[in-house]
Amino acid sequence: MTVKHVSIIVGLLLIVCASVAPAVPQVAVLEAILAPGTDPTVAGPVTDKIIEELLRSEKFVVLDRANVEQVLREKEFQLSSGIVGNEEIRRAGEYLGADLVIVANVSRVGSTYVMSARMIDVISGEIIAQASSEKQGKIDVLLEIARTVGKQISGQEIVVAEAREKLEEQKSPEVKEQPVAGSSTIALASLQELIRKRTHMKRDGAQQMQPFVAQIGDQTRMLLYTSNRKNDGMMGLLVNLLAPGACIGSWIQGDVQGVLWSYMFLIAGGLSIAAGAENYDSDMEAAGAAMLVFNGLYFCLRPFRFVKIWNQNLAKALAVPYLSIMDPRESTLTLVPTDHGVDWRFGLNLVSVEY
């Protein structure tokens, strides 16, 4: 056998080995999405730490982060701030020519930083791996959390869409039924804690909760909503009526803002009546009495208003439908010209659904 024949055989063997060897999936790591108020300069280092762990695992071909950002800029593609769906991530992967896409979300609960990451299959659009970690401390702990999340997500068994069916046939029924590592338990517990802290009632509360909401299913979100929604408007009214001026019913509901407004009207009305009586000013006394009457109406209606605001904000934060029955804000009052003059017409939307 000549050297030429040996070279041909070696070349054929290399070609066969290359065709048989499993293809290493290409993964694009998008820049980490930070909670509002977080220093934006940490997004880059946090993303780099995740990339380092992916490279260290030697299971992926990681696309250069600078090229990823350049391609997305050229495509005029920008991820929504704080709220990123799987389909949006999948489209980014298509632009980049990647098999898999990873995006991490960073949120903060008190002094604890929480990071969750999802790996999306570009072909199927499914989450095939996810991981999360949390730690209390200053913003520096995000680098350590990112390293932990990178190790978790790179250590999981990853199967891209093309080979998934073949692998499922080889798996035993017991293995198929095992849940994916990094389940939604942490996300559900975090949401419960955020609801307990009334995060959904704050200005940016919905955005803070979205990274965790994206990790749980529709049924779980609806169950979380129904178990935390309020139905105590009538109870709040009755307790308020038992102790007029104290607003004990609103205190029980947790409506601190409503109680403070009621106290303000009560104090202002009392001072006006006292000042009017001292100075023999009937107009001031009348103004004070009007404030007290208004306050009486306010603390009667406020419990129902608070229930509506609570449920509406909670439904928005958890991305579930919100049902409103006889919402007074949906009423309309119009003037309609007719042959015999002007008619007043009042309309009320009895039921409305928001999603």
Protein backbone atom coordinates (compact mmCIF):
# COMPACT_ATOMS: atom_id res chain seq x y z
CA MET A 1 0.00 0.00 0.00
CA THR A 2 1.51 3.30 -1.07
CA VAL A 3 1.56 6.57 0.83
CA LYS A 4 -1.02 7.93 -1.58
CA HIS A 5 -3.45 5.14 -0.72
CA VAL A 6 -2.89 5.71 3.01
CA SER A 7 -3.64 9.42 2.60
CA ILE A 8 -6.88 8.67 0.77
CA ILE A 9 -8.03 6.21 3.44
CA VAL A 10 -7.21 8.65 6.27
CA GLY A 11 -9.11 11.40 4.48
CA LEU A 12 -12.15 9.19 4.03
CA LEU A 13 -12.06 8.21 7.71
CA LEU A 14 -11.94 11.87 8.75
CA ILE A 15 -14.94 12.67 6.55
CA VAL A 16 -16.91 9.75 7.98
CA CYS A 17 -16.04 10.74 11.56
CA ALA A 18 -17.03 14.33 10.94
CA SER A 19 -20.40 13.27 9.53
CA VAL A 20 -21.10 10.85 12.37
CA ALA A 21 -20.01 13.16 15.21
CA PRO A 22 -22.94 15.07 16.72
CA ALA A 23 -23.11 18.73 15.76
CA VAL A 24 -22.28 21.15 18.56
CA PRO A 25 -25.19 23.58 18.93
CA GLN A 26 -24.56 27.27 18.44
CA VAL A 27 -25.87 29.41 21.27
CA ALA A 28 -26.39 33.17 21.39
CA VAL A 29 -26.46 34.84 24.81
CA LEU A 30 -28.48 38.05 24.76
CA GLU A 31 -27.60 40.89 27.09
CA ALA A 32 -29.11 40.41 30.54
CA ILE A 33 -32.35 42.28 31.22
CA LEU A 34 -32.15 44.27 34.44
CA ALA A 35 -34.93 45.35 36.77
CA PRO A 36 -35.76 49.08 36.72
CA GLY A 37 -33.36 51.04 38.90
CA THR A 38 -30.46 48.59 38.52
CA ASP A 39 -27.12 50.01 37.37
CA PRO A 40 -27.15 49.34 33.58
CA THR A 41 -23.36 48.91 33.46
CA VAL A 42 -23.61 45.48 35.14
CA ALA A 43 -25.53 43.95 32.20
CA GLY A 44 -22.35 43.35 30.18
CA PRO A 45 -20.25 41.70 32.94
CA VAL A 46 -23.22 39.55 34.02
CA THR A 47 -23.70 38.32 30.44
CA ASP A 48 -19.97 37.61 30.08
CA LYS A 49 -19.97 35.44 33.22
CA ILE A 50 -22.72 33.26 31.76
CA ILE A 51 -20.79 32.99 28.48
CA GLU A 52 -17.64 31.94 30.37
CA GLU A 53 -19.43 29.02 32.00
CA LEU A 54 -20.93 27.93 28.67
CA LEU A 55 -17.49 27.91 27.07
CA ARG A 56 -15.99 26.07 30.03
CA SER A 57 -18.56 23.29 29.59
CA GLU A 58 -17.29 22.69 25.99
CA LYS A 59 -20.85 21.71 25.00
CA PHE A 60 -21.64 24.79 22.89
CA VAL A 61 -20.30 27.09 20.23
CA VAL A 62 -21.00 30.51 21.72
CA LEU A 63 -21.52 33.40 19.30
CA ASP A 64 -19.45 36.49 19.98
CA ARG A 65 -21.47 38.96 22.06
CA ALA A 66 -20.30 41.97 20.05
CA ASN A 67 -21.43 40.31 16.79
CA VAL A 68 -24.77 39.39 18.39
CA GLU A 69 -25.43 43.00 19.36
CA GLN A 70 -24.34 44.27 15.93
CA VAL A 71 -26.63 41.88 14.05
CA LEU A 72 -29.61 42.77 16.22
CA ARG A 73 -28.91 46.48 15.69
CA GLU A 74 -28.74 46.00 11.93
CA LYS A 75 -32.07 44.16 12.04
CA GLU A 76 -33.46 46.98 14.21
CA PHE A 77 -34.43 44.32 16.71
CA GLN A 78 -34.79 45.36 20.33
CA LEU A 79 -36.01 43.27 23.24
CA SER A 80 -38.84 44.75 25.29
CA SER A 81 -37.63 46.17 28.60
CA GLY A 82 -38.44 43.77 31.43
CA ILE A 83 -41.05 41.72 29.52
CA VAL A 84 -39.59 39.26 27.01
CA GLY A 85 -41.62 36.39 25.58
CA ASN A 86 -40.26 33.14 24.20
CA GLU A 87 -41.38 34.02 20.66
CA GLU A 88 -39.45 37.29 20.81
CA ILE A 89 -36.31 35.44 21.91
CA ARG A 90 -36.83 32.81 19.18
CA ARG A 91 -36.99 35.50 16.48
CA ALA A 92 -33.73 36.97 17.76
CA GLY A 93 -32.15 33.51 17.38
CA GLU A 94 -33.38 33.31 13.78
CA TYR A 95 -31.73 36.62 12.97
CA LEU A 96 -28.48 35.40 14.52
CA GLY A 97 -28.51 31.96 12.89
CA ALA A 98 -28.23 30.28 16.29
CA ASP A 99 -29.65 26.95 17.41
CA LEU A 100 -30.25 28.13 20.97
CA VAL A 101 -30.74 31.50 22.64
CA ILE A 102 -30.21 32.34 26.30
CA VAL A 103 -31.61 35.41 28.04
CA ALA A 104 -31.23 36.22 31.74
CA ASN A 105 -33.49 38.43 33.85
CA VAL A 106 -32.27 40.20 36.97
CA SER A 107 -34.68 41.39 39.65
CA ARG A 108 -34.36 42.59 43.20
CA VAL A 109 -36.47 41.82 46.26
CA GLY A 110 -35.34 44.02 49.14
CA SER A 111 -31.59 43.44 49.44
CA THR A 112 -31.73 40.10 47.61
CA TYR A 113 -30.80 39.87 43.93
CA VAL A 114 -32.51 37.15 41.90
CA MET A 115 -31.44 35.97 38.45
CA SER A 116 -33.31 33.57 36.19
CA ALA A 117 -32.21 32.40 32.73
CA ARG A 118 -34.04 30.61 29.93
CA MET A 119 -32.60 28.65 27.02
CA ILE A 120 -34.93 28.73 24.01
CA ASP A 121 -34.78 26.30 21.08
CA VAL A 122 -34.93 28.50 17.96
CA ILE A 123 -36.66 25.80 15.88
CA SER A 124 -39.42 24.81 18.30
CA GLY A 125 -39.59 27.97 20.41
CA GLU A 126 -39.68 25.83 23.56
CA ILE A 127 -37.79 26.36 26.80
CA ILE A 128 -35.38 23.42 26.90
CA ALA A 129 -33.42 24.55 29.97
CA GLN A 130 -33.74 27.14 32.69
CA ALA A 131 -31.90 28.04 35.85
CA SER A 132 -32.13 30.55 38.67
CA SER A 133 -30.13 31.71 41.66
CA GLU A 134 -30.39 34.38 44.33
CA LYS A 135 -28.17 35.98 46.92
CA GLN A 136 -28.41 38.80 49.43
CA GLY A 137 -25.91 41.63 49.31
CA LYS A 138 -24.74 44.53 47.20
CA ILE A 139 -24.86 44.66 43.42
CA ASP A 140 -21.47 42.93 43.22
CA VAL A 141 -23.12 39.59 44.08
CA LEU A 142 -24.67 39.58 40.59
CA LEU A 143 -21.37 38.34 39.14
CA GLU A 144 -21.36 35.35 41.47
CA ILE A 145 -25.05 34.69 40.77
CA ALA A 146 -24.40 34.86 37.01
CA ARG A 147 -21.58 32.33 37.35
CA THR A 148 -23.89 29.97 39.25
CA VAL A 149 -26.69 30.34 36.69
CA GLY A 150 -24.21 29.72 33.84
CA LYS A 151 -23.02 26.50 35.50
CA GLN A 152 -26.59 25.32 36.11
CA ILE A 153 -27.85 25.91 32.59
CA SER A 154 -24.73 24.52 30.88
CA GLY A 155 -24.80 21.41 33.07
CA GLN A 156 -28.27 20.37 31.93
CA GLU A 157 -28.97 17.89 29.16
CA ILE A 158 -29.59 19.97 26.04
CA VAL A 159 -31.31 18.50 22.99
CA VAL A 160 -31.99 20.70 19.97
CA ALA A 161 -35.22 20.24 18.05
CA GLU A 162 -33.80 18.14 15.20
CA ALA A 163 -32.59 15.35 17.51
CA ARG A 164 -35.24 15.56 20.21
CA GLU A 165 -37.64 12.96 18.74
CA LYS A 166 -34.92 10.33 18.44
CA LEU A 167 -33.82 10.88 22.02
CA GLU A 168 -37.38 10.65 23.35
CA GLU A 169 -37.75 7.21 21.75
CA GLN A 170 -34.62 6.01 23.55
CA LYS A 171 -35.70 7.35 26.94
CA SER A 172 -37.48 5.18 29.47
CA PRO A 173 -40.95 6.31 30.64
CA GLU A 174 -39.49 7.20 34.04
CA VAL A 175 -36.98 9.57 32.48
CA LYS A 176 -39.62 11.22 30.30
CA GLU A 177 -41.75 12.10 33.27
CA GLN A 178 -38.94 13.81 35.17
CA PRO A 179 -39.35 17.58 35.35
CA VAL A 180 -36.83 19.87 33.71
CA ALA A 181 -34.10 21.06 36.04
CA GLY A 182 -34.71 24.52 37.43
CA SER A 183 -38.47 24.20 37.81
CA SER A 184 -40.86 27.07 38.43
CA THR A 185 -40.97 26.46 42.19
CA ILE A 186 -38.55 29.29 42.92
CA ALA A 187 -40.43 31.63 40.58
CA LEU A 188 -43.76 30.81 42.27
CA ALA A 189 -42.29 31.37 45.74
CA SER A 190 -40.76 34.66 44.61
CA LEU A 191 -44.11 35.84 43.21
CA GLN A 192 -45.87 34.97 46.45
CA GLU A 193 -43.31 37.04 48.34
CA LEU A 194 -43.65 39.97 45.92
CA ILE A 195 -47.45 39.91 46.25
CA ARG A 196 -47.13 39.80 50.03
CA LYS A 197 -44.96 42.93 49.80
CA ARG A 198 -47.61 44.59 47.56
CA THR A 199 -45.12 44.95 44.69
CA HIS A 200 -47.93 44.86 42.11
CA MET A 201 -49.39 48.05 43.67
CA LYS A 202 -46.22 50.03 42.92
CA ARG A 203 -45.55 52.00 39.77
CA ASP A 204 -43.03 49.51 38.26
CA GLY A 205 -44.31 46.48 40.16
CA ALA A 206 -45.56 44.61 37.08
CA GLN A 207 -42.13 44.87 35.42
CA GLN A 208 -40.39 43.57 38.54
CA MET A 209 -42.68 40.52 38.58
CA GLN A 210 -42.53 39.70 34.86
CA PRO A 211 -39.25 37.67 34.93
CA PHE A 212 -40.90 35.25 37.38
CA VAL A 213 -44.30 35.32 35.65
CA ALA A 214 -42.65 34.16 32.40
CA GLN A 215 -41.45 30.98 34.15
CA ILE A 216 -44.88 29.67 35.19
CA GLY A 217 -47.80 28.43 33.09
CA ASP A 218 -51.20 29.99 32.45
CA GLN A 219 -53.00 27.71 34.89
CA THR A 220 -50.52 28.45 37.68
CA ARG A 221 -50.79 32.20 37.06
CA MET A 222 -54.59 32.06 37.23
CA LEU A 223 -54.43 29.99 40.42
CA LEU A 224 -52.00 32.50 41.92
CA TYR A 225 -54.36 35.34 40.99
CA THR A 226 -57.50 33.72 42.43
CA SER A 227 -55.73 32.85 45.69
CA ASN A 228 -54.50 36.43 46.21
CA ARG A 229 -57.35 38.56 44.81
CA LYS A 230 -59.51 40.49 47.28
CA ASN A 231 -63.26 40.10 47.79
CA ASP A 232 -63.62 41.97 51.08
CA GLY A 233 -65.16 45.25 49.89
CA MET A 234 -68.44 44.73 51.77
CA MET A 235 -66.59 43.64 54.91
CA GLY A 236 -64.48 46.79 54.75
CA LEU A 237 -67.59 48.97 54.43
CA LEU A 238 -69.39 47.34 57.37
CA VAL A 239 -66.36 47.61 59.67
CA ASN A 240 -65.85 51.24 58.64
CA LEU A 241 -69.49 51.96 59.53
CA LEU A 242 -69.07 50.36 62.95
CA ALA A 243 -66.30 52.84 63.77
CA PRO A 244 -66.92 56.00 61.70
CA GLY A 245 -63.78 58.05 61.22
CA ALA A 246 -61.41 55.28 62.34
CA CYS A 247 -61.48 53.48 58.96
CA ILE A 248 -60.75 50.18 60.68
CA GLY A 249 -62.16 48.28 57.71
CA SER A 250 -59.67 49.94 55.37
CA TRP A 251 -56.86 49.20 57.83
CA ILE A 252 -57.85 45.52 57.77
CA GLN A 253 -57.83 45.56 53.98
CA GLY A 254 -54.32 47.01 53.98
CA ASP A 255 -55.45 50.21 52.28
CA VAL A 256 -53.01 52.59 53.99
CA GLN A 257 -53.39 55.27 51.33
CA GLY A 258 -57.17 55.34 51.67
CA VAL A 259 -56.94 55.60 55.46
CA LEU A 260 -54.52 58.52 55.26
CA TRP A 261 -56.77 60.40 52.84
CA SER A 262 -59.78 59.83 55.09
CA TYR A 263 -57.88 61.07 58.14
CA MET A 264 -56.78 64.13 56.19
CA PHE A 265 -60.39 65.01 55.25
CA LEU A 266 -61.52 64.33 58.82
CA ILE A 267 -58.87 66.58 60.39
CA ALA A 268 -59.32 69.34 57.80
CA GLY A 269 -63.10 69.31 58.27
CA GLY A 270 -62.85 69.35 62.08
CA LEU A 271 -60.35 72.21 62.07
CA SER A 272 -62.51 74.21 59.65
CA ILE A 273 -65.60 73.80 61.83
CA ALA A 274 -63.65 74.73 64.97
CA ALA A 275 -62.08 77.78 63.33
CA GLY A 276 -65.43 78.88 61.90
CA ALA A 277 -67.14 78.59 65.28
CA GLU A 278 -64.37 80.56 66.98
CA ASN A 279 -64.45 83.35 64.41
CA TYR A 280 -68.22 83.24 63.83
CA ASP A 281 -67.57 82.38 60.18
CA SER A 282 -70.52 80.39 58.89
CA ASP A 283 -68.91 79.83 55.48
CA MET A 284 -65.89 78.14 57.09
CA GLU A 285 -68.18 76.00 59.23
CA ALA A 286 -70.14 75.00 56.12
CA ALA A 287 -66.90 74.11 54.30
CA GLY A 288 -65.83 71.98 57.24
CA ALA A 289 -69.18 70.22 57.35
CA ALA A 290 -68.96 69.57 53.60
CA MET A 291 -65.53 67.97 54.13
CA LEU A 292 -66.93 65.68 56.81
CA VAL A 293 -69.85 64.68 54.59
CA PHE A 294 -67.45 63.99 51.73
CA ASN A 295 -65.26 61.95 54.06
CA GLY A 296 -68.27 59.89 55.08
CA LEU A 297 -69.02 59.07 51.45
CA TYR A 298 -65.33 58.43 50.77
CA PHE A 299 -64.76 55.82 53.47
CA CYS A 300 -67.99 54.08 52.43
CA LEU A 301 -66.92 53.78 48.79
CA ARG A 302 -63.17 53.40 49.29
CA PRO A 303 -63.19 49.68 50.32
CA PHE A 304 -64.78 48.74 46.98
CA ARG A 305 -62.43 51.02 45.06
CA PHE A 306 -59.40 49.49 46.79
CA VAL A 307 -60.56 45.96 45.96
CA LYS A 308 -60.85 46.94 42.29
CA ILE A 309 -57.39 48.57 42.18
CA TRP A 310 -55.79 45.60 43.96
CA ASN A 311 -57.36 42.99 41.67
CA GLN A 312 -56.76 45.02 38.52
CA ASN A 313 -53.05 45.55 39.27
CA LEU A 314 -52.63 41.92 40.31
CA ALA A 315 -54.23 40.67 37.09
CA LYS A 316 -52.00 42.96 35.03
CA ALA A 317 -48.84 41.84 36.84
CA LEU A 318 -49.70 38.13 36.43
CA ALA A 319 -50.92 38.59 32.82
CA VAL A 320 -54.36 37.07 33.45
CA PRO A 321 -57.83 38.33 32.42
CA TYR A 322 -59.49 40.80 34.78
CA LEU A 323 -63.29 40.88 35.02
CA SER A 324 -64.97 44.10 36.07
CA ILE A 325 -68.67 44.16 36.96
CA MET A 326 -70.57 47.46 37.01
CA ASP A 327 -67.49 49.63 36.92
CA PRO A 328 -68.65 53.23 37.57
CA ARG A 329 -65.69 54.55 35.58
CA GLU A 330 -67.24 52.99 32.48
CA SER A 331 -70.41 55.09 32.83
CA THR A 332 -71.20 57.74 30.24
CA LEU A 333 -73.33 60.88 30.40
CA THR A 334 -74.09 62.62 27.12
CA LEU A 335 -76.31 65.40 25.79
CA VAL A 336 -78.33 64.46 22.71
CA PRO A 337 -80.24 67.15 20.73
CA THR A 338 -83.77 66.14 19.76
CA ASP A 339 -86.79 67.80 18.18
CA HIS A 340 -88.21 68.71 21.56
CA GLY A 341 -84.95 69.94 23.09
CA VAL A 342 -81.88 68.34 24.69
CA ASP A 343 -82.03 64.87 26.28
CA TRP A 344 -79.67 63.65 28.99
CA ARG A 345 -78.60 60.06 28.36
CA PHE A 346 -76.77 57.92 30.89
CA GLY A 347 -75.05 54.63 30.01
CA LEU A 348 -73.31 52.03 32.15
CA ASN A 349 -71.08 49.20 30.98
CA LEU A 350 -72.21 46.34 33.23
CA VAL A 351 -69.39 43.92 32.42
CA SER A 352 -65.95 44.52 30.93
CA VAL A 353 -62.98 42.21 30.54
CA GLU A 354 -59.38 43.42 30.37
CA TYR A 355 -56.40 41.29 29.40
